C-alpha atoms as a PDB file:
ATOM      1  CA  MET A   1     -40.373  67.451 -41.399  1.00  0.00           C
ATOM      2  CA  LYS A   2     -39.014  65.945 -38.195  1.00  0.00           C
ATOM      3  CA  LYS A   3     -35.384  66.397 -37.509  1.00  0.00           C
ATOM      4  CA  GLN A   4     -33.443  63.160 -37.237  1.00  0.00           C
ATOM      5  CA  LYS A   5     -31.586  62.682 -33.966  1.00  0.00           C
ATOM      6  CA  LYS A   6     -27.898  62.458 -34.290  1.00  0.00           C
ATOM      7  CA  ILE A   7     -26.485  59.175 -32.881  1.00  0.00           C
ATOM      8  CA  THR A   8     -23.192  59.618 -31.141  1.00  0.00           C
ATOM      9  CA  THR A   9     -20.907  56.600 -30.775  1.00  0.00           C
ATOM     10  CA  VAL A  10     -18.756  56.592 -27.674  1.00  0.00           C
ATOM     11  CA  THR A  11     -15.474  54.744 -28.076  1.00  0.00           C
ATOM     12  CA  ASP A  12     -13.524  53.597 -25.002  1.00  0.00           C
ATOM     13  CA  THR A  13     -10.050  54.914 -24.662  1.00  0.00           C
ATOM     14  CA  PRO A  14      -7.177  52.379 -24.433  1.00  0.00           C
ATOM     15  CA  GLU A  15      -6.956  53.083 -20.706  1.00  0.00           C
ATOM     16  CA  GLN A  16     -10.679  52.312 -20.214  1.00  0.00           C
ATOM     17  CA  SER A  17     -10.433  49.088 -22.271  1.00  0.00           C
ATOM     18  CA  TRP A  18      -7.477  47.925 -20.164  1.00  0.00           C
ATOM     19  CA  LEU A  19      -9.403  48.592 -16.953  1.00  0.00           C
ATOM     20  CA  VAL A  20     -12.404  46.613 -18.243  1.00  0.00           C
ATOM     21  CA  ARG A  21     -10.205  43.639 -19.176  1.00  0.00           C
ATOM     22  CA  MET A  22      -8.474  43.682 -15.800  1.00  0.00           C
ATOM     23  CA  ARG A  23     -11.812  43.893 -13.970  1.00  0.00           C
ATOM     24  CA  ASN A  24     -13.147  40.901 -15.924  1.00  0.00           C
ATOM     25  CA  LYS A  25     -10.007  38.891 -15.221  1.00  0.00           C
ATOM     26  CA  ALA A  26     -10.225  39.692 -11.517  1.00  0.00           C
ATOM     27  CA  ALA A  27     -13.878  38.654 -11.395  1.00  0.00           C
ATOM     28  CA  PHE A  28     -13.117  35.421 -13.242  1.00  0.00           C
ATOM     29  CA  ALA A  29     -10.217  34.652 -10.868  1.00  0.00           C
ATOM     30  CA  VAL A  30     -12.459  35.130  -7.820  1.00  0.00           C
ATOM     31  CA  ILE A  31     -15.172  32.886  -9.302  1.00  0.00           C
ATOM     32  CA  ALA A  32     -12.639  30.199 -10.275  1.00  0.00           C
ATOM     33  CA  ALA A  33     -10.985  30.218  -6.851  1.00  0.00           C
ATOM     34  CA  THR A  34     -14.335  30.014  -5.051  1.00  0.00           C
ATOM     35  CA  ALA A  35     -15.576  27.224  -7.321  1.00  0.00           C
ATOM     36  CA  GLY A  36     -12.287  25.346  -6.906  1.00  0.00           C
ATOM     37  CA  ALA A  37     -12.498  25.567  -3.121  1.00  0.00           C
ATOM     38  CA  PHE A  38     -16.069  24.252  -3.118  1.00  0.00           C
ATOM     39  CA  LEU A  39     -15.083  21.476  -5.561  1.00  0.00           C
ATOM     40  CA  ASN A  40     -12.175  20.397  -3.343  1.00  0.00           C
ATOM     41  CA  MET A  41     -14.423  20.346  -0.270  1.00  0.00           C
ATOM     42  CA  TYR A  42     -17.019  18.318  -2.175  1.00  0.00           C
ATOM     43  CA  THR A  43     -14.393  15.887  -3.491  1.00  0.00           C
ATOM     44  CA  ASP A  44     -12.790  15.428  -0.052  1.00  0.00           C
ATOM     45  CA  ALA A  45     -16.203  14.692   1.447  1.00  0.00           C
ATOM     46  CA  LEU A  46     -17.001  12.117  -1.235  1.00  0.00           C
ATOM     47  CA  LYS A  47     -13.537  10.524  -1.385  1.00  0.00           C
ATOM     48  CA  PRO A  48     -14.125   7.911   1.401  1.00  0.00           C
ATOM     49  CA  ALA A  49     -17.449   6.890  -0.143  1.00  0.00           C
ATOM     50  CA  LEU A  50     -15.950   6.650  -3.645  1.00  0.00           C
ATOM     51  CA  THR A  51     -12.993   4.602  -2.366  1.00  0.00           C
ATOM     52  CA  SER A  52     -15.310   2.253  -0.504  1.00  0.00           C
ATOM     53  CA  ALA A  53     -17.553   1.826  -3.555  1.00  0.00           C
ATOM     54  CA  TRP A  54     -14.569   1.105  -5.796  1.00  0.00           C
ATOM     55  CA  ALA A  55     -13.202  -1.462  -3.326  1.00  0.00           C
ATOM     56  CA  TRP A  56     -16.617  -3.160  -3.174  1.00  0.00           C
ATOM     57  CA  MET A  57     -16.718  -3.412  -6.990  1.00  0.00           C
ATOM     58  CA  GLN A  58     -13.247  -4.979  -6.964  1.00  0.00           C
ATOM     59  CA  ASP A  59     -14.491  -7.536  -4.405  1.00  0.00           C
ATOM     60  CA  GLN A  60     -17.368  -8.517  -6.689  1.00  0.00           C
ATOM     61  CA  ALA A  61     -15.496  -8.468 -10.001  1.00  0.00           C
ATOM     62  CA  GLN A  62     -12.152 -10.023  -9.038  1.00  0.00           C
ATOM     63  CA  PRO A  63     -12.300 -12.002  -5.781  1.00  0.00           C
ATOM     64  CA  LEU A  64      -9.076 -13.517  -4.464  1.00  0.00           C
ATOM     65  CA  SER A  65      -8.511 -17.108  -5.567  1.00  0.00           C
ATOM     66  CA  ASP A  66      -9.212 -19.676  -2.835  1.00  0.00           C
ATOM     67  CA  ASP A  67      -5.781 -21.282  -3.313  1.00  0.00           C
ATOM     68  CA  LYS A  68      -3.836 -18.087  -2.593  1.00  0.00           C
ATOM     69  CA  ILE A  69      -2.574 -16.822   0.750  1.00  0.00           C
ATOM     70  CA  ILE A  70      -1.490 -13.234   1.365  1.00  0.00           C
ATOM     71  CA  ALA A  71       1.906 -13.108   3.068  1.00  0.00           C
ATOM     72  CA  VAL A  72       3.263  -9.850   4.459  1.00  0.00           C
ATOM     73  CA  GLU A  73       6.782  -9.275   5.779  1.00  0.00           C
ATOM     74  CA  LEU A  74       8.320  -6.113   7.194  1.00  0.00           C
ATOM     75  CA  ARG A  75      12.061  -5.724   7.713  1.00  0.00           C
ATOM     76  CA  PHE A  76      13.282  -2.881   9.896  1.00  0.00           C
ATOM     77  CA  TYR A  77      16.963  -2.290   9.207  1.00  0.00           C
ATOM     78  CA  ILE A  78      19.381  -1.586  12.052  1.00  0.00           C
ATOM     79  CA  PRO A  79      22.406   0.690  11.517  1.00  0.00           C
ATOM     80  CA  THR A  80      25.780  -0.803  12.342  1.00  0.00           C
ATOM     81  CA  SER A  81      26.352   2.102  14.716  1.00  0.00           C
ATOM     82  CA  VAL A  82      23.457   0.751  16.809  1.00  0.00           C
ATOM     83  CA  ASP A  83      24.096  -2.992  16.609  1.00  0.00           C
ATOM     84  CA  LYS A  84      26.896  -4.688  14.667  1.00  0.00           C
ATOM     85  CA  ASN A  85      25.495  -8.179  15.263  1.00  0.00           C
ATOM     86  CA  ARG A  86      22.149  -7.690  13.509  1.00  0.00           C
ATOM     87  CA  SER A  87      21.291  -5.985  10.246  1.00  0.00           C
ATOM     88  CA  PHE A  88      17.502  -6.018  10.607  1.00  0.00           C
ATOM     89  CA  GLU A  89      14.466  -7.066  12.639  1.00  0.00           C
ATOM     90  CA  ALA A  90      11.471  -8.659  10.937  1.00  0.00           C
ATOM     91  CA  VAL A  91       7.800  -9.338  11.537  1.00  0.00           C
ATOM     92  CA  SER A  92       5.470 -11.280   9.234  1.00  0.00           C
ATOM     93  CA  ALA A  93       1.851 -12.383   8.952  1.00  0.00           C
ATOM     94  CA  THR A  94      -0.372 -14.413   6.623  1.00  0.00           C
ATOM     95  CA  LEU A  95      -4.013 -13.916   5.681  1.00  0.00           C
ATOM     96  CA  TRP A  96      -6.207 -16.688   4.271  1.00  0.00           C
ATOM     97  CA  PRO A  97      -8.746 -16.003   1.484  1.00  0.00           C
ATOM     98  CA  THR A  98     -11.633 -17.530   3.453  1.00  0.00           C
ATOM     99  CA  LYS A  99     -11.177 -14.827   6.097  1.00  0.00           C
ATOM    100  CA  CYS A 100     -10.532 -12.023   3.584  1.00  0.00           C
ATOM    101  CA  LYS A 101     -13.857 -12.876   1.898  1.00  0.00           C
ATOM    102  CA  ARG A 102     -15.896 -12.368   5.052  1.00  0.00           C
ATOM    103  CA  ALA A 103     -18.173  -9.343   5.103  1.00  0.00           C
ATOM    104  CA  GLU A 104     -15.883  -7.527   7.516  1.00  0.00           C
ATOM    105  CA  GLY A 105     -12.710  -8.805   5.822  1.00  0.00           C
ATOM    106  CA  ALA A 106      -9.745  -9.970   7.883  1.00  0.00           C
ATOM    107  CA  SER A 107      -7.393  -8.119  10.181  1.00  0.00           C
ATOM    108  CA  VAL A 108      -4.101  -9.048  11.833  1.00  0.00           C
ATOM    109  CA  MET A 109      -2.362  -6.932  14.457  1.00  0.00           C
ATOM    110  CA  ASN A 110       1.224  -7.783  15.280  1.00  0.00           C
ATOM    111  CA  THR A 111       4.238  -6.481  17.147  1.00  0.00           C
ATOM    112  CA  PHE A 112       7.901  -7.385  16.869  1.00  0.00           C
ATOM    113  CA  ASP A 113       8.851 -10.001  19.459  1.00  0.00           C
ATOM    114  CA  SER A 114      12.605 -10.215  19.914  1.00  0.00           C
ATOM    115  CA  GLY A 115      12.425 -12.880  22.611  1.00  0.00           C
ATOM    116  CA  THR A 116      15.443 -12.600  24.888  1.00  0.00           C
ATOM    117  CA  ARG A 117      17.224 -10.089  22.657  1.00  0.00           C
ATOM    118  CA  ASP A 118      16.869  -6.331  22.753  1.00  0.00           C
ATOM    119  CA  SER A 119      14.429  -4.900  20.233  1.00  0.00           C
ATOM    120  CA  TYR A 120      14.861  -1.653  18.323  1.00  0.00           C
ATOM    121  CA  THR A 121      11.398  -1.755  16.726  1.00  0.00           C
ATOM    122  CA  ASN A 122       8.657  -0.132  18.789  1.00  0.00           C
ATOM    123  CA  ALA A 123       5.585  -0.159  16.570  1.00  0.00           C
ATOM    124  CA  ILE A 124       2.313  -2.002  16.004  1.00  0.00           C
ATOM    125  CA  VAL A 125       1.736  -3.496  12.559  1.00  0.00           C
ATOM    126  CA  ASN A 126      -1.875  -3.676  11.386  1.00  0.00           C
ATOM    127  CA  ILE A 127      -2.763  -5.642   8.233  1.00  0.00           C
ATOM    128  CA  THR A 128      -6.238  -5.961   6.717  1.00  0.00           C
ATOM    129  CA  CYS A 129      -7.502  -7.608   3.542  1.00  0.00           C
ATOM    130  CA  ARG A 130     -10.693  -7.663   1.493  1.00  0.00           C
ATOM    131  CA  ALA A 131     -12.302 -10.280  -0.761  1.00  0.00           C
ATOM    132  CA  SER A 132     -10.430  -8.927  -3.793  1.00  0.00           C
ATOM    133  CA  GLY A 133      -7.090  -9.343  -2.044  1.00  0.00           C
ATOM    134  CA  ARG A 134      -6.853  -5.593  -1.498  1.00  0.00           C
ATOM    135  CA  THR A 135      -4.406  -5.207   1.368  1.00  0.00           C
ATOM    136  CA  LEU A 136      -3.880  -2.348   3.798  1.00  0.00           C
ATOM    137  CA  VAL A 137      -0.684  -2.235   5.862  1.00  0.00           C
ATOM    138  CA  THR A 138      -0.200   0.448   8.516  1.00  0.00           C
ATOM    139  CA  LEU A 139       2.374   1.118  11.211  1.00  0.00           C
ATOM    140  CA  THR A 140       1.482   2.695  14.550  1.00  0.00           C
ATOM    141  CA  PRO A 141       4.745   3.974  16.033  1.00  0.00           C
ATOM    142  CA  GLN A 142       5.523   4.730  19.634  1.00  0.00           C
ATOM    143  CA  ASN A 143       6.221   8.293  18.520  1.00  0.00           C
ATOM    144  CA  GLY A 144       4.500  10.179  15.735  1.00  0.00           C
ATOM    145  CA  SER A 145       1.394   9.409  13.717  1.00  0.00           C
ATOM    146  CA  ILE A 146       0.129   6.269  11.949  1.00  0.00           C
ATOM    147  CA  ALA A 147       1.841   5.590   8.615  1.00  0.00           C
ATOM    148  CA  THR A 148       0.088   3.841   5.711  1.00  0.00           C
ATOM    149  CA  LEU A 149       2.683   1.653   3.990  1.00  0.00           C
ATOM    150  CA  TYR A 150       0.399   0.073   1.382  1.00  0.00           C
ATOM    151  CA  ASP A 151      -3.241   0.200   0.311  1.00  0.00           C
ATOM    152  CA  GLY A 152      -4.231  -1.667  -2.856  1.00  0.00           C
ATOM    153  CA  ILE A 153      -4.110  -4.939  -4.780  1.00  0.00           C
ATOM    154  CA  PHE A 154      -0.453  -5.885  -5.014  1.00  0.00           C
ATOM    155  CA  LYS A 155       1.612  -7.958  -7.415  1.00  0.00           C
ATOM    156  CA  ASP A 156       3.351 -11.054  -6.085  1.00  0.00           C
ATOM    157  CA  GLY A 157       6.761 -10.123  -4.732  1.00  0.00           C
ATOM    158  CA  GLU A 158       6.057  -6.384  -4.664  1.00  0.00           C
ATOM    159  CA  LYS A 159       8.389  -4.411  -2.382  1.00  0.00           C
ATOM    160  CA  ILE A 160       7.786  -1.022  -0.799  1.00  0.00           C
ATOM    161  CA  THR A 161      10.357   0.984   1.129  1.00  0.00           C
ATOM    162  CA  PHE A 162       9.329   3.090   4.109  1.00  0.00           C
ATOM    163  CA  ALA A 163      11.020   5.743   6.202  1.00  0.00           C
ATOM    164  CA  GLY A 164      11.883   5.361   9.852  1.00  0.00           C
ATOM    165  CA  VAL A 165      10.446   7.216  12.828  1.00  0.00           C
ATOM    166  CA  PRO A 166      12.989   8.285  15.488  1.00  0.00           C
ATOM    167  CA  GLY A 167      12.421   6.409  18.721  1.00  0.00           C
ATOM    168  CA  SER A 168      10.045   3.896  17.096  1.00  0.00           C
ATOM    169  CA  TYR A 169      11.680   2.078  14.179  1.00  0.00           C
ATOM    170  CA  TYR A 170      14.301   2.386  11.480  1.00  0.00           C
ATOM    171  CA  ALA A 171      13.625   2.537   7.747  1.00  0.00           C
ATOM    172  CA  GLY A 172      12.816  -0.747   6.077  1.00  0.00           C
ATOM    173  CA  ILE A 173      11.158  -2.744   3.328  1.00  0.00           C
ATOM    174  CA  LEU A 174       7.641  -4.158   3.097  1.00  0.00           C
ATOM    175  CA  THR A 175       7.363  -7.292   0.931  1.00  0.00           C
ATOM    176  CA  LEU A 176       4.017  -8.697  -0.252  1.00  0.00           C
ATOM    177  CA  HIS A 177       3.619 -12.241  -1.561  1.00  0.00           C
ATOM    178  CA  LEU A 178       0.808 -14.424  -2.875  1.00  0.00           C
ATOM    179  CA  LEU A 179       1.555 -17.957  -1.712  1.00  0.00           C
ATOM    180  CA  ASP A 180       0.083 -20.894  -3.636  1.00  0.00           C
ATOM    181  CA  THR A 181      -1.637 -23.629  -1.604  1.00  0.00           C
ATOM    182  CA  LYS A 182      -2.585 -25.752  -4.616  1.00  0.00           C
ATOM    183  CA  MET A 183      -1.029 -29.210  -4.563  1.00  0.00           C
ATOM    184  CA  PRO A 184       1.317 -29.850  -7.518  1.00  0.00           C
ATOM    185  CA  ASP A 185       0.200 -32.251 -10.233  1.00  0.00           C
ATOM    186  CA  GLY A 186       1.811 -35.643 -10.719  1.00  0.00           C
ATOM    187  CA  PRO A 187       3.303 -38.189  -8.310  1.00  0.00           C
ATOM    188  CA  SER A 188       5.258 -37.005  -5.286  1.00  0.00           C
ATOM    189  CA  HIS A 189       8.716 -38.320  -4.439  1.00  0.00           C
ATOM    190  CA  PRO A 190      10.783 -37.848  -1.287  1.00  0.00           C
ATOM    191  CA  VAL A 191      13.635 -35.411  -1.696  1.00  0.00           C
ATOM    192  CA  ASN A 192      16.026 -37.836  -0.001  1.00  0.00           C
ATOM    193  CA  LYS A 193      14.838 -41.432  -0.139  1.00  0.00           C
ATOM    194  CA  CYS A 194      17.885 -42.568   1.819  1.00  0.00           C
ATOM    195  CA  GLN A 195      16.577 -40.729   4.888  1.00  0.00           C
ATOM    196  CA  ILE A 196      13.507 -42.977   4.855  1.00  0.00           C
ATOM    197  CA  THR A 197      15.521 -46.202   4.340  1.00  0.00           C
ATOM    198  CA  ASN A 198      18.403 -45.013   6.528  1.00  0.00           C
ATOM    199  CA  THR A 199      20.930 -45.771   3.768  1.00  0.00           C
ATOM    200  CA  CYS A 200      22.323 -42.294   3.136  1.00  0.00           C
ATOM    201  CA  ALA A 201      25.849 -43.275   4.298  1.00  0.00           C
ATOM    202  CA  GLU A 202      25.964 -46.203   1.874  1.00  0.00           C
ATOM    203  CA  GLU A 203      24.680 -44.166  -1.061  1.00  0.00           C
ATOM    204  CA  PHE A 204      27.113 -41.378  -0.290  1.00  0.00           C
ATOM    205  CA  ALA A 205      29.991 -43.885  -0.217  1.00  0.00           C
ATOM    206  CA  LYS A 206      28.922 -45.295  -3.598  1.00  0.00           C
ATOM    207  CA  GLU A 207      28.826 -41.817  -5.081  1.00  0.00           C
ATOM    208  CA  ILE A 208      32.356 -41.114  -3.852  1.00  0.00           C
ATOM    209  CA  ASN A 209      33.703 -44.384  -5.255  1.00  0.00           C
ATOM    210  CA  HIS A 210      32.224 -43.684  -8.698  1.00  0.00           C
ATOM    211  CA  ARG A 211      34.006 -40.349  -9.026  1.00  0.00           C
END
């Protein structure tokens, strides 16, 4: 008769089990970190393309109404320690839907023009729009880097605050409006008929006498 071989079972000690678990955790951490780094690089590379594709879909699905105008206003506030006579400087621009719906969209570049007065705002405002009404507002300061103040489809009357850049501009508020160009329904009446008939003095006198 053949002798049966004795099977010996080797059991890891607690110390060996702990080392195995720690080694597995370390390997998993290295794999996760490497995969995460590659995923971030891949996402960053695709982000411009994904943003552009999403903006194009918005253009096709929800184009800006032809009776709406995009109005943009920026107010740069001035501290009283700098000028007690003025509280802010402002620059504004409008964009028409016919231009926003062009293949290349529309773009307006503007600077603050103070005329004969001193200006405390030294920056270039760049505003672009797409067919969907998606609006991009950036500020190029005299000092520092370009700041993106807004990029998206805004709600009428939306306000965005922005920080100042020393030597270029003070902090302020960006306001975005959708202006309506549609003519109101019904008959139109002059606000002051007396200005047309040149009888405002007489009508005013009658109103005083009836009081």
